[in-house]
Amino acid sequence: MTKISYADFNDFEILKEHDKHVSESELKRTIDLKRVLVMYQSGEFIGWLRFGMFWDNIPFMNMLYILDGQRRKGYGGKLVKFWEGEMIKQGYRRALTSTQSDEQAQFFYRKMGYSDCGALLLPGETLEIFFVKDLRG
């Protein structure tokens, strides 16, 4: 049975172990703000989705991660759909995310209904592609 919920203090250690893209203090802050979703399958940790707010009013998916061995089973899509539903409930009309141009995630986001809406190229970095989705359908 798949369970998706907002992360709480009980999820902190497993998130800290796997999410190397954020400091411990920021992880604690995002958990407190209810900006991290966790997914479990039959009690086993599968992955997480962490988000913030772009311009303080557009949900921005910062991190979607499904653990190795659990990918290509539909978990990522379920987690994104759950998050989008939560954002709709909170009154948001659109959502944003991004990924590097050399990552396969760009194809996943397009399949999930996200459209390219720009890019950012920082010195010494790979091109970051930005995506937007109208949550109203």
Protein backbone atom coordinates (compact mmCIF):
# COMPACT_ATOMS: atom_id res chain seq x y z
CA MET A 1 0.00 0.00 0.00
CA THR A 2 1.35 3.42 -1.02
CA LYS A 3 1.25 6.20 1.56
CA ILE A 4 2.04 9.85 0.79
CA SER A 5 2.06 12.42 3.56
CA TYR A 6 3.73 15.60 4.73
CA ALA A 7 7.03 14.81 6.38
CA ASP A 8 7.29 15.23 10.14
CA PHE A 9 9.99 14.88 12.78
CA ASN A 10 9.86 11.06 12.44
CA ASP A 11 10.95 11.33 8.79
CA PHE A 12 13.88 13.67 9.45
CA GLU A 13 16.62 11.04 9.84
CA ILE A 14 15.78 9.14 6.67
CA LEU A 15 15.44 12.39 4.71
CA LYS A 16 18.76 13.66 6.10
CA GLU A 17 20.38 10.38 5.02
CA HIS A 18 19.17 10.66 1.43
CA ASP A 19 18.66 14.38 0.63
CA LYS A 20 22.19 15.71 0.15
CA HIS A 21 21.01 18.84 -1.67
CA VAL A 22 19.90 20.76 1.41
CA SER A 23 21.41 21.56 4.81
CA GLU A 24 20.05 19.92 7.95
CA SER A 25 18.75 23.26 9.21
CA GLU A 26 16.95 23.97 5.93
CA LEU A 27 15.53 20.46 5.87
CA LYS A 28 14.13 20.97 9.38
CA ARG A 29 12.69 24.33 8.31
CA THR A 30 11.00 22.91 5.21
CA ILE A 31 9.54 20.04 7.25
CA ASP A 32 8.17 22.57 9.77
CA LEU A 33 6.67 24.59 6.91
CA LYS A 34 4.97 21.45 5.50
CA ARG A 35 6.99 21.68 2.30
CA VAL A 36 8.24 18.11 2.15
CA LEU A 37 6.16 15.12 1.10
CA VAL A 38 7.33 11.56 1.77
CA MET A 39 6.26 8.35 0.12
CA TYR A 40 6.23 4.88 1.65
CA GLN A 41 5.28 1.59 0.02
CA SER A 42 4.23 -1.10 2.50
CA GLY A 43 6.17 0.76 5.19
CA GLU A 44 9.33 1.08 3.08
CA PHE A 45 10.64 4.59 2.30
CA ILE A 46 10.40 5.15 -1.47
CA GLY A 47 11.16 8.85 -1.99
CA TRP A 48 10.27 12.46 -1.36
CA LEU A 49 9.22 15.74 -2.93
CA ARG A 50 10.49 19.04 -1.50
CA PHE A 51 9.16 22.40 -2.63
CA GLY A 52 9.35 26.12 -2.01
CA MET A 53 7.64 29.22 -3.30
CA PHE A 54 8.81 31.18 -6.34
CA TRP A 55 8.05 34.90 -5.97
CA ASP A 56 6.38 33.88 -2.68
CA ASN A 57 3.23 32.82 -4.55
CA ILE A 58 3.97 30.03 -7.05
CA PRO A 59 4.77 26.52 -5.77
CA PHE A 60 8.17 25.42 -7.08
CA MET A 61 9.13 21.75 -6.90
CA ASN A 62 12.78 21.86 -5.80
CA MET A 63 13.40 18.15 -5.45
CA LEU A 64 11.63 15.01 -6.59
CA TYR A 65 13.56 11.87 -5.77
CA ILE A 66 12.60 8.21 -5.99
CA LEU A 67 15.19 5.80 -4.57
CA ASP A 68 17.17 3.51 -6.85
CA GLY A 69 15.35 0.23 -7.38
CA GLN A 70 11.97 1.96 -7.08
CA ARG A 71 12.10 4.02 -10.27
CA ARG A 72 9.95 3.39 -13.35
CA LYS A 73 7.12 2.01 -11.23
CA GLY A 74 4.89 5.09 -11.34
CA TYR A 75 5.84 6.39 -7.89
CA GLY A 76 7.20 9.71 -9.17
CA GLY A 77 4.00 10.43 -11.07
CA LYS A 78 1.88 9.59 -8.03
CA LEU A 79 3.94 11.86 -5.83
CA VAL A 80 3.74 14.77 -8.29
CA LYS A 81 -0.03 14.32 -8.74
CA PHE A 82 -0.53 14.27 -4.96
CA TRP A 83 1.52 17.47 -4.61
CA GLU A 84 -0.37 19.17 -7.41
CA GLY A 85 -3.66 18.23 -5.72
CA GLU A 86 -2.44 19.73 -2.46
CA MET A 87 -1.44 22.94 -4.25
CA ILE A 88 -4.86 23.17 -5.91
CA LYS A 89 -6.54 22.74 -2.50
CA GLN A 90 -4.45 25.66 -1.25
CA GLY A 91 -5.68 27.83 -4.13
CA TYR A 92 -2.63 27.87 -6.39
CA ARG A 93 -3.23 28.08 -10.12
CA ARG A 94 0.16 27.00 -11.46
CA ALA A 95 3.33 25.21 -10.46
CA LEU A 96 6.96 25.41 -11.52
CA THR A 97 9.95 23.10 -11.51
CA SER A 98 13.32 22.81 -13.22
CA THR A 99 15.97 20.28 -14.16
CA GLN A 100 19.36 20.29 -15.80
CA SER A 101 19.36 19.84 -19.56
CA ASP A 102 21.59 16.75 -19.27
CA GLU A 103 19.13 14.93 -16.99
CA GLN A 104 16.32 12.61 -18.06
CA ALA A 105 13.85 14.32 -15.71
CA GLN A 106 12.97 16.86 -18.41
CA PHE A 107 11.13 14.13 -20.33
CA PHE A 108 9.25 13.04 -17.20
CA TYR A 109 8.07 16.59 -16.47
CA ARG A 110 6.87 17.08 -20.04
CA LYS A 111 4.99 13.77 -19.82
CA MET A 112 3.39 15.07 -16.58
CA GLY A 113 2.02 18.09 -18.47
CA TYR A 114 4.73 20.64 -17.71
CA SER A 115 5.81 22.98 -20.51
CA ASP A 116 9.20 24.55 -21.05
CA CYS A 117 9.11 28.20 -20.00
CA GLY A 118 12.74 29.31 -19.90
CA ALA A 119 16.27 28.45 -18.93
CA LEU A 120 19.12 29.67 -16.79
CA LEU A 121 22.82 29.29 -17.49
CA LEU A 122 25.12 30.05 -14.58
CA PRO A 123 28.90 30.16 -15.17
CA GLY A 124 30.38 26.69 -14.99
CA GLU A 125 26.98 25.02 -14.68
CA THR A 126 24.81 22.95 -17.00
CA LEU A 127 21.79 24.71 -18.53
CA GLU A 128 18.80 24.59 -16.15
CA ILE A 129 15.44 24.22 -17.94
CA PHE A 130 12.36 25.67 -16.23
CA PHE A 131 8.88 24.20 -16.58
CA VAL A 132 5.39 25.47 -15.77
CA LYS A 133 2.05 23.74 -15.46
CA ASP A 134 -1.44 25.22 -15.24
CA LEU A 135 -3.00 23.31 -12.33
CA ARG A 136 -6.52 24.15 -13.43
CA GLY A 137 -6.26 21.68 -16.29
